[in-house]
C-alpha atoms as a PDB file:
ATOM      1  CA  UNK A   1      20.240  -5.189  -7.908  1.00  0.00           C
ATOM      2  CA  UNK A   2      17.565  -5.426  -5.207  1.00  0.00           C
ATOM      3  CA  UNK A   3      14.665  -2.998  -5.137  1.00  0.00           C
ATOM      4  CA  UNK A   4      12.660  -2.606  -1.945  1.00  0.00           C
ATOM      5  CA  UNK A   5       9.369  -0.721  -2.027  1.00  0.00           C
ATOM      6  CA  UNK A   6       8.035   0.356   1.346  1.00  0.00           C
ATOM      7  CA  UNK A   7       4.665   2.067   1.628  1.00  0.00           C
ATOM      8  CA  UNK A   8       4.363   3.857   4.963  1.00  0.00           C
ATOM      9  CA  UNK A   9       0.800   4.635   6.037  1.00  0.00           C
ATOM     10  CA  UNK A  10      -0.290   6.876   8.871  1.00  0.00           C
ATOM     11  CA  UNK A  11      -2.844   9.483   9.903  1.00  0.00           C
ATOM     12  CA  UNK A  12      -2.849  13.237  10.494  1.00  0.00           C
ATOM     13  CA  UNK A  13       0.025  13.852   8.074  1.00  0.00           C
ATOM     14  CA  UNK A  14       2.398  11.603  10.022  1.00  0.00           C
ATOM     15  CA  UNK A  15       3.882   9.981   6.910  1.00  0.00           C
ATOM     16  CA  UNK A  16       5.060  13.400   5.694  1.00  0.00           C
ATOM     17  CA  UNK A  17       6.321  14.315   9.171  1.00  0.00           C
ATOM     18  CA  UNK A  18       8.283  11.060   9.267  1.00  0.00           C
ATOM     19  CA  UNK A  19       9.965  11.824   5.958  1.00  0.00           C
ATOM     20  CA  UNK A  20      10.712  15.389   7.035  1.00  0.00           C
ATOM     21  CA  UNK A  21      12.429  14.118  10.189  1.00  0.00           C
ATOM     22  CA  UNK A  22      14.290  11.377   8.308  1.00  0.00           C
ATOM     23  CA  UNK A  23      15.743  14.076   6.065  1.00  0.00           C
ATOM     24  CA  UNK A  24      16.346  16.800   8.668  1.00  0.00           C
ATOM     25  CA  UNK A  25      18.037  14.372  11.087  1.00  0.00           C
ATOM     26  CA  UNK A  26      20.543  13.318   8.409  1.00  0.00           C
ATOM     27  CA  UNK A  27      19.429   9.677   8.386  1.00  0.00           C
ATOM     28  CA  UNK A  28      18.558   9.725   4.686  1.00  0.00           C
ATOM     29  CA  UNK A  29      21.953  11.157   3.766  1.00  0.00           C
ATOM     30  CA  UNK A  30      23.723   8.535   5.909  1.00  0.00           C
ATOM     31  CA  UNK A  31      21.846   5.730   4.161  1.00  0.00           C
ATOM     32  CA  UNK A  32      22.631   7.130   0.725  1.00  0.00           C
ATOM     33  CA  UNK A  33      26.347   7.052   1.628  1.00  0.00           C
ATOM     34  CA  UNK A  34      26.282   3.394   2.683  1.00  0.00           C
ATOM     35  CA  UNK A  35      28.294   0.992   0.571  1.00  0.00           C
ATOM     36  CA  UNK A  36      25.942  -0.771  -1.813  1.00  0.00           C
ATOM     37  CA  UNK A  37      23.084   1.731  -1.640  1.00  0.00           C
ATOM     38  CA  UNK A  38      21.983   2.754  -5.119  1.00  0.00           C
ATOM     39  CA  UNK A  39      18.813   4.724  -4.376  1.00  0.00           C
ATOM     40  CA  UNK A  40      16.867   5.960  -1.369  1.00  0.00           C
ATOM     41  CA  UNK A  41      13.978   8.228  -2.361  1.00  0.00           C
ATOM     42  CA  UNK A  42      10.519   9.065  -1.073  1.00  0.00           C
ATOM     43  CA  UNK A  43       7.461   9.652  -3.266  1.00  0.00           C
ATOM     44  CA  UNK A  44       4.037  10.937  -2.277  1.00  0.00           C
ATOM     45  CA  UNK A  45       0.877   9.669  -4.022  1.00  0.00           C
ATOM     46  CA  UNK A  46      -1.181  12.470  -5.559  1.00  0.00           C
ATOM     47  CA  UNK A  47      -4.426  11.036  -4.225  1.00  0.00           C
ATOM     48  CA  UNK A  48      -3.366   9.919  -0.721  1.00  0.00           C
ATOM     49  CA  UNK A  49      -2.081  12.434   1.841  1.00  0.00           C
ATOM     50  CA  UNK A  50      -1.532   9.754   4.471  1.00  0.00           C
ATOM     51  CA  UNK A  51       0.995   7.570   2.646  1.00  0.00           C
ATOM     52  CA  UNK A  52       4.528   7.774   1.343  1.00  0.00           C
ATOM     53  CA  UNK A  53       6.433   5.340  -0.868  1.00  0.00           C
ATOM     54  CA  UNK A  54      10.118   4.652  -0.274  1.00  0.00           C
ATOM     55  CA  UNK A  55      12.107   3.287  -3.216  1.00  0.00           C
ATOM     56  CA  UNK A  56      15.238   1.715  -1.757  1.00  0.00           C
ATOM     57  CA  UNK A  57      17.760  -0.023  -4.050  1.00  0.00           C
ATOM     58  CA  UNK A  58      20.875  -2.011  -3.161  1.00  0.00           C
ATOM     59  CA  UNK A  59      23.682  -3.727  -5.059  1.00  0.00           C
ATOM     60  CA  UNK A  60      22.774  -7.085  -3.533  1.00  0.00           C
ATOM     61  CA  UNK A  61      21.252  -8.845  -0.527  1.00  0.00           C
ATOM     62  CA  UNK A  62      24.527  -8.648   1.408  1.00  0.00           C
ATOM     63  CA  UNK A  63      24.509  -4.834   1.211  1.00  0.00           C
ATOM     64  CA  UNK A  64      20.905  -4.743   2.408  1.00  0.00           C
ATOM     65  CA  UNK A  65      21.733  -7.151   5.247  1.00  0.00           C
ATOM     66  CA  UNK A  66      24.626  -4.885   6.356  1.00  0.00           C
ATOM     67  CA  UNK A  67      22.256  -1.911   6.305  1.00  0.00           C
ATOM     68  CA  UNK A  68      19.752  -3.766   8.508  1.00  0.00           C
ATOM     69  CA  UNK A  69      22.483  -4.479  11.097  1.00  0.00           C
ATOM     70  CA  UNK A  70      23.499  -0.839  11.580  1.00  0.00           C
ATOM     71  CA  UNK A  71      22.527   1.085  14.741  1.00  0.00           C
ATOM     72  CA  UNK A  72      20.869   3.543  12.368  1.00  0.00           C
ATOM     73  CA  UNK A  73      18.013   1.058  11.960  1.00  0.00           C
ATOM     74  CA  UNK A  74      17.075   1.600  15.621  1.00  0.00           C
ATOM     75  CA  UNK A  75      16.639   5.317  14.924  1.00  0.00           C
ATOM     76  CA  UNK A  76      14.378   4.523  11.968  1.00  0.00           C
ATOM     77  CA  UNK A  77      12.315   2.117  14.096  1.00  0.00           C
ATOM     78  CA  UNK A  78      11.935   4.806  16.758  1.00  0.00           C
ATOM     79  CA  UNK A  79      10.677   7.292  14.179  1.00  0.00           C
ATOM     80  CA  UNK A  80       8.189   4.774  12.781  1.00  0.00           C
ATOM     81  CA  UNK A  81       6.861   4.279  16.308  1.00  0.00           C
ATOM     82  CA  UNK A  82       6.841   8.019  17.020  1.00  0.00           C
ATOM     83  CA  UNK A  83       4.667   8.647  13.964  1.00  0.00           C
ATOM     84  CA  UNK A  84       2.671   5.403  14.365  1.00  0.00           C
ATOM     85  CA  UNK A  85       3.331   4.291  10.801  1.00  0.00           C
ATOM     86  CA  UNK A  86       2.395   0.921   9.366  1.00  0.00           C
ATOM     87  CA  UNK A  87       4.232  -0.617   6.447  1.00  0.00           C
ATOM     88  CA  UNK A  88       3.614  -2.664   3.335  1.00  0.00           C
ATOM     89  CA  UNK A  89       6.843  -4.036   1.876  1.00  0.00           C
ATOM     90  CA  UNK A  90       7.720  -5.588  -1.485  1.00  0.00           C
ATOM     91  CA  UNK A  91      11.181  -6.684  -2.621  1.00  0.00           C
ATOM     92  CA  UNK A  92      12.259  -7.357  -6.197  1.00  0.00           C
ATOM     93  CA  UNK A  93      15.407  -8.354  -7.996  1.00  0.00           C
ATOM     94  CA  UNK A  94      16.085  -6.369 -11.150  1.00  0.00           C
ATOM     95  CA  UNK A  95      15.757  -8.495 -14.272  1.00  0.00           C
ATOM     96  CA  UNK A  96      16.341  -5.971 -17.068  1.00  0.00           C
ATOM     97  CA  UNK A  97      18.171  -7.697 -19.907  1.00  0.00           C
ATOM     98  CA  UNK A  98      19.013  -7.189 -23.585  1.00  0.00           C
ATOM     99  CA  UNK A  99      15.441  -7.988 -24.684  1.00  0.00           C
ATOM    100  CA  UNK A 100      14.140  -5.105 -22.556  1.00  0.00           C
ATOM    101  CA  UNK A 101      16.735  -2.562 -23.642  1.00  0.00           C
ATOM    102  CA  UNK A 102      15.130  -1.890 -27.048  1.00  0.00           C
ATOM    103  CA  UNK A 103      12.055  -0.500 -25.206  1.00  0.00           C
ATOM    104  CA  UNK A 104      13.994   1.758 -22.849  1.00  0.00           C
ATOM    105  CA  UNK A 105      14.870   5.299 -23.847  1.00  0.00           C
ATOM    106  CA  UNK A 106      17.909   6.451 -21.889  1.00  0.00           C
END
């Protein structure tokens, strides 16, 4: 599994406005229905009103690559420009194994 963390930063509440439009336009729901998408959720820091964190998880790199090729990505780019958001991105591959399981309460 791939996990992509994207921190969007803006001013004047634009990060929240971006998320609101992503949801109201149906883009978020479309992404969640894509083959290989495991998670697409936004989180707001308690101490920063100008940022939002997107946690985006995919089955594998191929699923993420397909997502990046969709016309939907142009809509997302347009919204990022509209709200003048800047991004910090990190990508991880899940490495949870049997040694970790004894510490995880499910």
